[in-house]
């Protein structure tokens, strides 16, 4: 279960932010925003029902999936272990925390960036899976009139072959 779903952001905050951005775009360029919204409504969505069902993974795939599930519980249990360690041996805990204090600030930033990238990519992966859409949908050609383009032979040829 993703963090945004757990916190209820997918139902409230995220759609609200989308509405704010739409309203902001309409205030700066109302005719462009209106034309884009109308064009997006006319573009057909691809049918994903014909996509093959995911195959069960091999032993290697299951092992990698199991390893990918380890960081969150290890960080949670590790944090609890630190609290217990501080209660059991305060002097030893203080000595180890002094060692962490000597760590350069750039290394702290790097650790934070790695953890943020891991959880951000994981959340994006789960959001894509919950949406039921394929990660990369094939582009659907829209008629030039729907997008408000003038006659452009090169663009028309690209849309037909793309």
C-alpha atoms as a PDB file:
ATOM      1  CA  UNK A   1       0.000   0.000   0.000  1.00  0.00           C
ATOM      2  CA  UNK A   2       1.414   3.369  -0.966  1.00  0.00           C
ATOM      3  CA  UNK A   3       2.053   6.270   1.361  1.00  0.00           C
ATOM      4  CA  UNK A   4      -0.211   8.653  -0.545  1.00  0.00           C
ATOM      5  CA  UNK A   5      -3.111   6.207  -0.350  1.00  0.00           C
ATOM      6  CA  UNK A   6      -2.451   5.499   3.321  1.00  0.00           C
ATOM      7  CA  UNK A   7      -2.469   9.194   4.195  1.00  0.00           C
ATOM      8  CA  UNK A   8      -5.585   9.778   2.116  1.00  0.00           C
ATOM      9  CA  UNK A   9      -3.738  12.129  -0.228  1.00  0.00           C
ATOM     10  CA  UNK A  10      -4.895  10.299  -3.345  1.00  0.00           C
ATOM     11  CA  UNK A  11      -8.508  11.143  -2.467  1.00  0.00           C
ATOM     12  CA  UNK A  12      -8.095  14.716  -1.261  1.00  0.00           C
ATOM     13  CA  UNK A  13      -4.835  16.601  -1.608  1.00  0.00           C
ATOM     14  CA  UNK A  14      -3.583  15.358  -4.972  1.00  0.00           C
ATOM     15  CA  UNK A  15      -6.829  16.059  -6.885  1.00  0.00           C
ATOM     16  CA  UNK A  16      -7.067  19.420  -5.106  1.00  0.00           C
ATOM     17  CA  UNK A  17      -3.566  20.318  -6.299  1.00  0.00           C
ATOM     18  CA  UNK A  18      -4.552  19.289  -9.814  1.00  0.00           C
ATOM     19  CA  UNK A  19      -7.576  21.571  -9.617  1.00  0.00           C
ATOM     20  CA  UNK A  20      -5.445  24.465  -8.378  1.00  0.00           C
ATOM     21  CA  UNK A  21      -2.974  24.026 -11.233  1.00  0.00           C
ATOM     22  CA  UNK A  22      -5.841  23.849 -13.753  1.00  0.00           C
ATOM     23  CA  UNK A  23      -7.387  27.021 -12.325  1.00  0.00           C
ATOM     24  CA  UNK A  24      -4.018  28.762 -12.383  1.00  0.00           C
ATOM     25  CA  UNK A  25      -3.477  27.815 -16.039  1.00  0.00           C
ATOM     26  CA  UNK A  26      -6.968  29.049 -16.909  1.00  0.00           C
ATOM     27  CA  UNK A  27      -6.313  32.390 -15.233  1.00  0.00           C
ATOM     28  CA  UNK A  28      -3.162  33.019 -17.291  1.00  0.00           C
ATOM     29  CA  UNK A  29      -4.245  31.593 -20.643  1.00  0.00           C
ATOM     30  CA  UNK A  30      -7.963  30.750 -20.611  1.00  0.00           C
ATOM     31  CA  UNK A  31      -8.352  30.080 -24.344  1.00  0.00           C
ATOM     32  CA  UNK A  32      -5.313  27.784 -24.466  1.00  0.00           C
ATOM     33  CA  UNK A  33      -6.435  25.857 -21.389  1.00  0.00           C
ATOM     34  CA  UNK A  34      -9.968  25.524 -22.775  1.00  0.00           C
ATOM     35  CA  UNK A  35      -8.730  24.333 -26.170  1.00  0.00           C
ATOM     36  CA  UNK A  36      -6.364  21.830 -24.568  1.00  0.00           C
ATOM     37  CA  UNK A  37      -9.097  20.455 -22.306  1.00  0.00           C
ATOM     38  CA  UNK A  38     -11.453  20.036 -25.277  1.00  0.00           C
ATOM     39  CA  UNK A  39      -8.737  18.352 -27.342  1.00  0.00           C
ATOM     40  CA  UNK A  40      -7.899  15.959 -24.518  1.00  0.00           C
ATOM     41  CA  UNK A  41     -11.560  14.943 -24.235  1.00  0.00           C
ATOM     42  CA  UNK A  42     -11.666  14.056 -27.947  1.00  0.00           C
ATOM     43  CA  UNK A  43      -8.537  11.876 -27.936  1.00  0.00           C
ATOM     44  CA  UNK A  44      -9.479   8.199 -27.546  1.00  0.00           C
ATOM     45  CA  UNK A  45      -7.835   6.264 -24.744  1.00  0.00           C
ATOM     46  CA  UNK A  46      -6.021   3.064 -25.739  1.00  0.00           C
ATOM     47  CA  UNK A  47      -7.678  -0.232 -24.901  1.00  0.00           C
ATOM     48  CA  UNK A  48      -5.475  -2.078 -22.400  1.00  0.00           C
ATOM     49  CA  UNK A  49      -7.697  -5.152 -22.073  1.00  0.00           C
ATOM     50  CA  UNK A  50      -5.731  -6.939 -24.809  1.00  0.00           C
ATOM     51  CA  UNK A  51      -2.447  -6.717 -22.878  1.00  0.00           C
ATOM     52  CA  UNK A  52      -1.121 -10.065 -21.670  1.00  0.00           C
ATOM     53  CA  UNK A  53      -1.400 -10.893 -17.985  1.00  0.00           C
ATOM     54  CA  UNK A  54       1.888 -10.734 -16.068  1.00  0.00           C
ATOM     55  CA  UNK A  55       3.678 -14.058 -15.954  1.00  0.00           C
ATOM     56  CA  UNK A  56       4.716 -15.595 -12.650  1.00  0.00           C
ATOM     57  CA  UNK A  57       8.359 -14.821 -11.978  1.00  0.00           C
ATOM     58  CA  UNK A  58      11.263 -17.223 -11.826  1.00  0.00           C
ATOM     59  CA  UNK A  59      13.104 -18.070  -8.621  1.00  0.00           C
ATOM     60  CA  UNK A  60      15.569 -15.260  -9.300  1.00  0.00           C
ATOM     61  CA  UNK A  61      12.714 -12.761  -9.761  1.00  0.00           C
ATOM     62  CA  UNK A  62      11.131 -13.851  -6.492  1.00  0.00           C
ATOM     63  CA  UNK A  63      14.486 -13.468  -4.703  1.00  0.00           C
ATOM     64  CA  UNK A  64      14.969  -9.942  -6.059  1.00  0.00           C
ATOM     65  CA  UNK A  65      11.385  -9.036  -5.100  1.00  0.00           C
ATOM     66  CA  UNK A  66      12.064 -10.309  -1.570  1.00  0.00           C
ATOM     67  CA  UNK A  67      15.260  -8.226  -1.356  1.00  0.00           C
ATOM     68  CA  UNK A  68      13.370  -5.166  -2.598  1.00  0.00           C
ATOM     69  CA  UNK A  69      10.955  -5.570   0.301  1.00  0.00           C
ATOM     70  CA  UNK A  70      13.702  -5.473   2.951  1.00  0.00           C
ATOM     71  CA  UNK A  71      14.664  -1.757   3.266  1.00  0.00           C
ATOM     72  CA  UNK A  72      11.456  -0.510   4.900  1.00  0.00           C
ATOM     73  CA  UNK A  73      11.239  -3.157   7.629  1.00  0.00           C
ATOM     74  CA  UNK A  74      14.988  -2.944   8.253  1.00  0.00           C
ATOM     75  CA  UNK A  75      14.766   0.834   8.734  1.00  0.00           C
ATOM     76  CA  UNK A  76      11.713   0.509  10.993  1.00  0.00           C
ATOM     77  CA  UNK A  77      13.179  -2.248  13.154  1.00  0.00           C
ATOM     78  CA  UNK A  78      16.590  -0.547  13.124  1.00  0.00           C
ATOM     79  CA  UNK A  79      15.061   2.634  14.532  1.00  0.00           C
ATOM     80  CA  UNK A  80      13.379   0.645  17.294  1.00  0.00           C
ATOM     81  CA  UNK A  81      16.640  -1.175  17.993  1.00  0.00           C
ATOM     82  CA  UNK A  82      18.415   2.187  18.395  1.00  0.00           C
ATOM     83  CA  UNK A  83      15.895   3.257  21.027  1.00  0.00           C
ATOM     84  CA  UNK A  84      16.330  -0.031  22.887  1.00  0.00           C
ATOM     85  CA  UNK A  85      20.111   0.251  22.630  1.00  0.00           C
ATOM     86  CA  UNK A  86      19.970   3.764  24.108  1.00  0.00           C
ATOM     87  CA  UNK A  87      17.940   2.426  27.047  1.00  0.00           C
ATOM     88  CA  UNK A  88      20.135  -0.627  27.648  1.00  0.00           C
ATOM     89  CA  UNK A  89      23.602   0.934  27.202  1.00  0.00           C
ATOM     90  CA  UNK A  90      23.473   4.762  27.270  1.00  0.00           C
ATOM     91  CA  UNK A  91      27.267   5.169  27.317  1.00  0.00           C
ATOM     92  CA  UNK A  92      27.787   2.899  24.286  1.00  0.00           C
ATOM     93  CA  UNK A  93      24.940   4.621  22.455  1.00  0.00           C
ATOM     94  CA  UNK A  94      26.477   8.050  23.151  1.00  0.00           C
ATOM     95  CA  UNK A  95      29.854   6.881  21.823  1.00  0.00           C
ATOM     96  CA  UNK A  96      28.311   5.624  18.581  1.00  0.00           C
ATOM     97  CA  UNK A  97      26.256   8.784  18.130  1.00  0.00           C
ATOM     98  CA  UNK A  98      29.450  10.830  18.544  1.00  0.00           C
ATOM     99  CA  UNK A  99      30.845   8.825  15.636  1.00  0.00           C
ATOM    100  CA  UNK A 100      27.793   9.684  13.542  1.00  0.00           C
ATOM    101  CA  UNK A 101      28.203  13.334  14.491  1.00  0.00           C
ATOM    102  CA  UNK A 102      31.706  13.262  12.985  1.00  0.00           C
ATOM    103  CA  UNK A 103      30.295  12.182   9.613  1.00  0.00           C
ATOM    104  CA  UNK A 104      30.588  14.914   6.935  1.00  0.00           C
ATOM    105  CA  UNK A 105      27.403  16.797   6.045  1.00  0.00           C
ATOM    106  CA  UNK A 106      27.728  15.885   2.356  1.00  0.00           C
ATOM    107  CA  UNK A 107      27.468  12.199   3.268  1.00  0.00           C
ATOM    108  CA  UNK A 108      24.224  12.889   5.182  1.00  0.00           C
ATOM    109  CA  UNK A 109      22.825  14.630   2.086  1.00  0.00           C
ATOM    110  CA  UNK A 110      23.822  11.660  -0.072  1.00  0.00           C
ATOM    111  CA  UNK A 111      22.148   9.171   2.285  1.00  0.00           C
ATOM    112  CA  UNK A 112      18.994  11.314   2.321  1.00  0.00           C
ATOM    113  CA  UNK A 113      18.950  11.518  -1.481  1.00  0.00           C
ATOM    114  CA  UNK A 114      19.318   7.738  -1.870  1.00  0.00           C
ATOM    115  CA  UNK A 115      16.515   7.019   0.600  1.00  0.00           C
ATOM    116  CA  UNK A 116      14.266   9.635  -1.012  1.00  0.00           C
ATOM    117  CA  UNK A 117      14.900   8.244  -4.503  1.00  0.00           C
ATOM    118  CA  UNK A 118      14.199   4.698  -3.314  1.00  0.00           C
ATOM    119  CA  UNK A 119      10.878   5.521  -1.682  1.00  0.00           C
ATOM    120  CA  UNK A 120       9.847   7.954  -4.437  1.00  0.00           C
ATOM    121  CA  UNK A 121      10.450   5.380  -7.163  1.00  0.00           C
ATOM    122  CA  UNK A 122       8.678   2.727  -5.115  1.00  0.00           C
ATOM    123  CA  UNK A 123       5.642   4.962  -4.597  1.00  0.00           C
ATOM    124  CA  UNK A 124       5.521   5.827  -8.317  1.00  0.00           C
ATOM    125  CA  UNK A 125       5.724   2.123  -9.211  1.00  0.00           C
ATOM    126  CA  UNK A 126       2.815   1.252  -6.931  1.00  0.00           C
ATOM    127  CA  UNK A 127       0.719   4.178  -8.182  1.00  0.00           C
ATOM    128  CA  UNK A 128       1.197   2.983 -11.768  1.00  0.00           C
ATOM    129  CA  UNK A 129       0.170  -0.544 -10.795  1.00  0.00           C
ATOM    130  CA  UNK A 130      -2.948   0.654  -8.959  1.00  0.00           C
ATOM    131  CA  UNK A 131      -4.036   2.832 -11.871  1.00  0.00           C
ATOM    132  CA  UNK A 132      -4.418  -0.253 -14.096  1.00  0.00           C
ATOM    133  CA  UNK A 133      -2.665   1.528 -16.954  1.00  0.00           C
ATOM    134  CA  UNK A 134       0.501   0.219 -18.544  1.00  0.00           C
ATOM    135  CA  UNK A 135       3.651   2.127 -17.476  1.00  0.00           C
ATOM    136  CA  UNK A 136       4.164   3.470 -21.004  1.00  0.00           C
ATOM    137  CA  UNK A 137       1.072   3.690 -23.130  1.00  0.00           C
ATOM    138  CA  UNK A 138       1.403   3.711 -26.894  1.00  0.00           C
ATOM    139  CA  UNK A 139       0.587   7.134 -28.318  1.00  0.00           C
ATOM    140  CA  UNK A 140      -2.804   7.401 -29.940  1.00  0.00           C
ATOM    141  CA  UNK A 141      -2.968   9.484 -33.096  1.00  0.00           C
ATOM    142  CA  UNK A 142      -5.502  12.292 -32.846  1.00  0.00           C
ATOM    143  CA  UNK A 143      -6.952  14.104 -35.821  1.00  0.00           C
ATOM    144  CA  UNK A 144      -5.264  17.414 -36.539  1.00  0.00           C
ATOM    145  CA  UNK A 145      -8.574  19.239 -36.203  1.00  0.00           C
ATOM    146  CA  UNK A 146      -8.962  17.986 -32.635  1.00  0.00           C
ATOM    147  CA  UNK A 147      -5.675  19.595 -31.658  1.00  0.00           C
ATOM    148  CA  UNK A 148      -6.368  22.827 -33.529  1.00  0.00           C
ATOM    149  CA  UNK A 149      -3.416  22.470 -35.937  1.00  0.00           C
ATOM    150  CA  UNK A 150      -3.364  24.058 -39.330  1.00  0.00           C
ATOM    151  CA  UNK A 151      -2.482  21.935 -42.339  1.00  0.00           C
ATOM    152  CA  UNK A 152       0.990  20.507 -41.751  1.00  0.00           C
ATOM    153  CA  UNK A 153       1.875  17.629 -44.086  1.00  0.00           C
ATOM    154  CA  UNK A 154       4.947  16.567 -42.098  1.00  0.00           C
ATOM    155  CA  UNK A 155       2.992  16.429 -38.854  1.00  0.00           C
ATOM    156  CA  UNK A 156       0.149  14.525 -40.529  1.00  0.00           C
ATOM    157  CA  UNK A 157       2.607  11.960 -41.922  1.00  0.00           C
ATOM    158  CA  UNK A 158       4.239  11.574 -38.501  1.00  0.00           C
ATOM    159  CA  UNK A 159       0.841  10.985 -36.873  1.00  0.00           C
ATOM    160  CA  UNK A 160      -0.094   8.367 -39.446  1.00  0.00           C
ATOM    161  CA  UNK A 161       3.228   6.465 -39.091  1.00  0.00           C
ATOM    162  CA  UNK A 162       3.840   7.118 -35.396  1.00  0.00           C
END
